[in-house]
Amino acid sequence: MGRMGAIGMAEQVSDSSVTLEAALHWHLTSNHFPPHPSFMIPVALRAIRKAQKGEWHKGIRLPGTVRFKGIRMPLVGDLIEALHLEDFI
């Protein structure tokens, strides 16, 4: 599990065995302890897409009343790091 699991899932996304959404669902809900709620999957997708465009310092609005370190719109780079999304970029 952990990093090796994320690398394996990212490889499956690369060879089209698994969708990015499915890989992120597994990664966020099964590869973290405690698990992240599934409503964070769209946030992770947006963070990955912005990171791929080099928009590391853009903010991403979190759903509902969710805050990251007290912030409503954390930076892409902070979300990538906190959710361990590096291997999916």
N, C-alpha and C. Protein backbone atom coordinates (compact mmCIF):
# COMPACT_ATOMS: atom_id res chain seq x y z
N MET A 1 0.83 -1.18 0.00
CA MET A 1 0.00 0.00 0.00
C MET A 1 0.87 1.24 0.00
N GLY A 2 0.28 2.37 0.22
CA GLY A 2 1.02 3.61 0.26
C GLY A 2 1.54 4.02 -1.10
N ARG A 3 2.79 4.46 -1.12
CA ARG A 3 3.37 4.99 -2.34
C ARG A 3 3.42 3.95 -3.46
N MET A 4 3.78 2.74 -3.14
CA MET A 4 3.86 1.69 -4.17
C MET A 4 2.48 1.43 -4.78
N GLY A 5 1.45 1.47 -3.96
CA GLY A 5 0.09 1.29 -4.48
C GLY A 5 -0.30 2.42 -5.41
N ALA A 6 0.06 3.65 -5.04
CA ALA A 6 -0.25 4.80 -5.88
C ALA A 6 0.50 4.72 -7.21
N ILE A 7 1.74 4.31 -7.17
CA ILE A 7 2.52 4.15 -8.40
C ILE A 7 1.87 3.10 -9.29
N GLY A 8 1.45 1.99 -8.70
CA GLY A 8 0.79 0.94 -9.48
C GLY A 8 -0.51 1.41 -10.11
N MET A 9 -1.29 2.15 -9.36
CA MET A 9 -2.54 2.66 -9.91
C MET A 9 -2.28 3.69 -11.01
N ALA A 10 -1.29 4.53 -10.81
CA ALA A 10 -0.95 5.53 -11.84
C ALA A 10 -0.51 4.83 -13.13
N GLU A 11 0.23 3.75 -13.00
CA GLU A 11 0.63 2.97 -14.19
C GLU A 11 -0.59 2.38 -14.90
N GLN A 12 -1.56 1.92 -14.13
CA GLN A 12 -2.78 1.37 -14.73
C GLN A 12 -3.58 2.46 -15.44
N VAL A 13 -3.54 3.68 -14.91
CA VAL A 13 -4.20 4.81 -15.60
C VAL A 13 -3.46 5.09 -16.90
N SER A 14 -2.13 5.08 -16.86
CA SER A 14 -1.33 5.36 -18.06
C SER A 14 -1.59 4.36 -19.18
N ASP A 15 -1.80 3.09 -18.83
CA ASP A 15 -2.04 2.10 -19.88
C ASP A 15 -3.53 1.84 -20.11
N SER A 16 -4.37 2.74 -19.60
CA SER A 16 -5.83 2.71 -19.81
C SER A 16 -6.53 1.47 -19.24
N SER A 17 -5.92 0.83 -18.25
CA SER A 17 -6.57 -0.30 -17.58
C SER A 17 -7.62 0.19 -16.59
N VAL A 18 -7.41 1.40 -16.05
CA VAL A 18 -8.28 1.97 -15.03
C VAL A 18 -8.45 3.46 -15.35
N THR A 19 -9.63 4.01 -15.09
CA THR A 19 -9.81 5.44 -15.28
C THR A 19 -9.13 6.20 -14.14
N LEU A 20 -8.80 7.44 -14.41
CA LEU A 20 -8.20 8.26 -13.36
C LEU A 20 -9.16 8.41 -12.18
N GLU A 21 -10.44 8.56 -12.47
CA GLU A 21 -11.44 8.70 -11.41
C GLU A 21 -11.47 7.45 -10.51
N ALA A 22 -11.43 6.27 -11.12
CA ALA A 22 -11.44 5.02 -10.35
C ALA A 22 -10.16 4.90 -9.52
N ALA A 23 -9.03 5.26 -10.11
CA ALA A 23 -7.77 5.19 -9.39
C ALA A 23 -7.77 6.14 -8.20
N LEU A 24 -8.30 7.35 -8.41
CA LEU A 24 -8.35 8.30 -7.30
C LEU A 24 -9.32 7.86 -6.22
N HIS A 25 -10.41 7.23 -6.61
CA HIS A 25 -11.35 6.71 -5.60
C HIS A 25 -10.62 5.70 -4.71
N TRP A 26 -9.93 4.77 -5.33
CA TRP A 26 -9.18 3.78 -4.55
C TRP A 26 -8.12 4.48 -3.69
N HIS A 27 -7.36 5.39 -4.32
CA HIS A 27 -6.25 6.04 -3.62
C HIS A 27 -6.73 6.83 -2.40
N LEU A 28 -7.77 7.62 -2.57
CA LEU A 28 -8.23 8.48 -1.47
C LEU A 28 -8.98 7.71 -0.39
N THR A 29 -9.73 6.70 -0.78
CA THR A 29 -10.56 5.99 0.21
C THR A 29 -9.93 4.73 0.78
N SER A 30 -8.93 4.18 0.08
CA SER A 30 -8.32 2.93 0.56
C SER A 30 -6.83 3.02 0.81
N ASN A 31 -6.18 3.97 0.22
CA ASN A 31 -4.72 4.07 0.33
C ASN A 31 -4.28 5.11 1.36
N HIS A 32 -5.23 5.70 2.06
CA HIS A 32 -4.93 6.66 3.13
C HIS A 32 -5.57 6.18 4.42
N PHE A 33 -4.92 6.52 5.52
CA PHE A 33 -5.55 6.28 6.81
C PHE A 33 -5.35 7.54 7.65
N PRO A 34 -6.43 8.11 8.09
CA PRO A 34 -7.81 7.71 7.80
C PRO A 34 -8.15 8.03 6.34
N PRO A 35 -9.14 7.34 5.81
CA PRO A 35 -9.51 7.56 4.41
C PRO A 35 -10.10 8.96 4.21
N HIS A 36 -9.87 9.49 3.02
CA HIS A 36 -10.50 10.75 2.64
C HIS A 36 -11.90 10.44 2.10
N PRO A 37 -12.87 11.32 2.30
CA PRO A 37 -14.21 11.08 1.76
C PRO A 37 -14.21 11.16 0.24
N SER A 38 -15.11 10.41 -0.37
CA SER A 38 -15.17 10.34 -1.83
C SER A 38 -15.52 11.69 -2.47
N PHE A 39 -16.10 12.62 -1.72
CA PHE A 39 -16.40 13.93 -2.32
C PHE A 39 -15.12 14.72 -2.60
N MET A 40 -13.98 14.21 -2.19
CA MET A 40 -12.71 14.87 -2.50
C MET A 40 -12.14 14.44 -3.85
N ILE A 41 -12.76 13.44 -4.50
CA ILE A 41 -12.27 12.98 -5.80
C ILE A 41 -12.28 14.10 -6.84
N PRO A 42 -13.38 14.86 -7.00
CA PRO A 42 -13.35 15.97 -7.97
C PRO A 42 -12.29 17.02 -7.64
N VAL A 43 -12.03 17.24 -6.37
CA VAL A 43 -10.99 18.19 -5.95
C VAL A 43 -9.63 17.66 -6.40
N ALA A 44 -9.39 16.38 -6.18
CA ALA A 44 -8.12 15.77 -6.59
C ALA A 44 -7.96 15.84 -8.11
N LEU A 45 -9.03 15.58 -8.84
CA LEU A 45 -8.99 15.66 -10.31
C LEU A 45 -8.61 17.07 -10.77
N ARG A 46 -9.24 18.09 -10.17
CA ARG A 46 -8.93 19.48 -10.54
C ARG A 46 -7.48 19.81 -10.21
N ALA A 47 -7.02 19.35 -9.05
CA ALA A 47 -5.62 19.62 -8.66
C ALA A 47 -4.65 18.98 -9.65
N ILE A 48 -4.91 17.76 -10.06
CA ILE A 48 -4.04 17.07 -11.02
C ILE A 48 -4.05 17.81 -12.35
N ARG A 49 -5.22 18.18 -12.84
CA ARG A 49 -5.31 18.88 -14.13
C ARG A 49 -4.57 20.22 -14.11
N LYS A 50 -4.73 20.95 -13.01
CA LYS A 50 -4.04 22.24 -12.90
C LYS A 50 -2.53 22.04 -12.78
N ALA A 51 -2.11 21.02 -12.05
CA ALA A 51 -0.68 20.73 -11.92
C ALA A 51 -0.08 20.36 -13.28
N GLN A 52 -0.81 19.60 -14.06
CA GLN A 52 -0.34 19.22 -15.39
C GLN A 52 -0.15 20.44 -16.30
N LYS A 53 -0.91 21.50 -16.04
CA LYS A 53 -0.79 22.74 -16.80
C LYS A 53 0.24 23.69 -16.18
N GLY A 54 0.85 23.28 -15.08
CA GLY A 54 1.83 24.12 -14.41
C GLY A 54 1.23 25.18 -13.52
N GLU A 55 -0.04 25.04 -13.17
CA GLU A 55 -0.75 26.03 -12.36
C GLU A 55 -0.68 25.67 -10.87
N TRP A 56 0.52 25.48 -10.38
CA TRP A 56 0.74 25.03 -9.00
C TRP A 56 0.29 26.04 -7.96
N HIS A 57 0.25 27.31 -8.29
CA HIS A 57 -0.08 28.35 -7.30
C HIS A 57 -1.52 28.85 -7.43
N LYS A 58 -2.34 28.14 -8.17
CA LYS A 58 -3.76 28.48 -8.28
C LYS A 58 -4.49 27.86 -7.09
N GLY A 59 -5.60 28.49 -6.71
CA GLY A 59 -6.42 27.96 -5.64
C GLY A 59 -7.53 27.06 -6.18
N ILE A 60 -7.94 26.11 -5.36
CA ILE A 60 -9.06 25.23 -5.70
C ILE A 60 -10.06 25.29 -4.56
N ARG A 61 -11.30 25.64 -4.89
CA ARG A 61 -12.35 25.74 -3.88
C ARG A 61 -12.73 24.35 -3.39
N LEU A 62 -12.78 24.19 -2.08
CA LEU A 62 -13.17 22.92 -1.47
C LEU A 62 -14.69 22.87 -1.31
N PRO A 63 -15.25 21.67 -1.32
CA PRO A 63 -16.71 21.54 -1.22
C PRO A 63 -17.25 21.85 0.17
N GLY A 64 -18.48 22.34 0.19
CA GLY A 64 -19.20 22.55 1.44
C GLY A 64 -18.44 23.38 2.45
N THR A 65 -18.34 22.84 3.64
CA THR A 65 -17.65 23.54 4.73
C THR A 65 -16.23 23.03 4.95
N VAL A 66 -15.73 22.25 4.01
CA VAL A 66 -14.39 21.67 4.13
C VAL A 66 -13.34 22.77 4.08
N ARG A 67 -12.35 22.65 4.95
CA ARG A 67 -11.22 23.58 4.99
C ARG A 67 -9.93 22.76 5.02
N PHE A 68 -8.89 23.32 4.45
CA PHE A 68 -7.56 22.72 4.50
C PHE A 68 -6.68 23.69 5.27
N LYS A 69 -6.28 23.29 6.46
CA LYS A 69 -5.50 24.16 7.34
C LYS A 69 -6.20 25.51 7.51
N GLY A 70 -7.53 25.48 7.60
CA GLY A 70 -8.33 26.67 7.80
C GLY A 70 -8.63 27.45 6.54
N ILE A 71 -8.16 26.97 5.39
CA ILE A 71 -8.31 27.70 4.13
C ILE A 71 -9.39 27.07 3.27
N ARG A 72 -10.21 27.91 2.68
CA ARG A 72 -11.30 27.45 1.80
C ARG A 72 -10.81 27.13 0.39
N MET A 73 -9.75 27.83 -0.07
CA MET A 73 -9.21 27.62 -1.42
C MET A 73 -7.70 27.37 -1.35
N PRO A 74 -7.30 26.17 -0.97
CA PRO A 74 -5.86 25.89 -0.90
C PRO A 74 -5.23 25.86 -2.29
N LEU A 75 -3.93 26.01 -2.30
CA LEU A 75 -3.19 25.99 -3.55
C LEU A 75 -3.07 24.57 -4.10
N VAL A 76 -2.97 24.48 -5.41
CA VAL A 76 -2.83 23.19 -6.08
C VAL A 76 -1.67 22.40 -5.49
N GLY A 77 -0.52 23.04 -5.35
CA GLY A 77 0.66 22.35 -4.81
C GLY A 77 0.43 21.77 -3.43
N ASP A 78 -0.28 22.52 -2.60
CA ASP A 78 -0.57 22.03 -1.24
C ASP A 78 -1.49 20.81 -1.27
N LEU A 79 -2.48 20.83 -2.18
CA LEU A 79 -3.39 19.69 -2.29
C LEU A 79 -2.67 18.46 -2.86
N ILE A 80 -1.82 18.67 -3.85
CA ILE A 80 -1.06 17.55 -4.43
C ILE A 80 -0.24 16.88 -3.34
N GLU A 81 0.41 17.69 -2.53
CA GLU A 81 1.25 17.14 -1.45
C GLU A 81 0.41 16.45 -0.38
N ALA A 82 -0.65 17.10 0.07
CA ALA A 82 -1.46 16.57 1.17
C ALA A 82 -2.19 15.28 0.78
N LEU A 83 -2.65 15.21 -0.47
CA LEU A 83 -3.41 14.03 -0.92
C LEU A 83 -2.50 13.00 -1.60
N HIS A 84 -1.21 13.28 -1.63
CA HIS A 84 -0.21 12.35 -2.22
C HIS A 84 -0.58 12.01 -3.66
N LEU A 85 -0.75 13.04 -4.48
CA LEU A 85 -1.19 12.85 -5.86
C LEU A 85 -0.04 12.92 -6.87
N GLU A 86 1.18 13.04 -6.42
CA GLU A 86 2.32 13.25 -7.29
C GLU A 86 2.40 12.22 -8.42
N ASP A 87 2.13 10.98 -8.12
CA ASP A 87 2.28 9.91 -9.11
C ASP A 87 1.20 9.93 -10.19
N PHE A 88 0.15 10.70 -9.99
CA PHE A 88 -0.95 10.77 -10.96
C PHE A 88 -0.79 11.95 -11.93
N ILE A 89 0.24 12.76 -11.75
CA ILE A 89 0.44 13.93 -12.61
C ILE A 89 1.14 13.50 -13.89
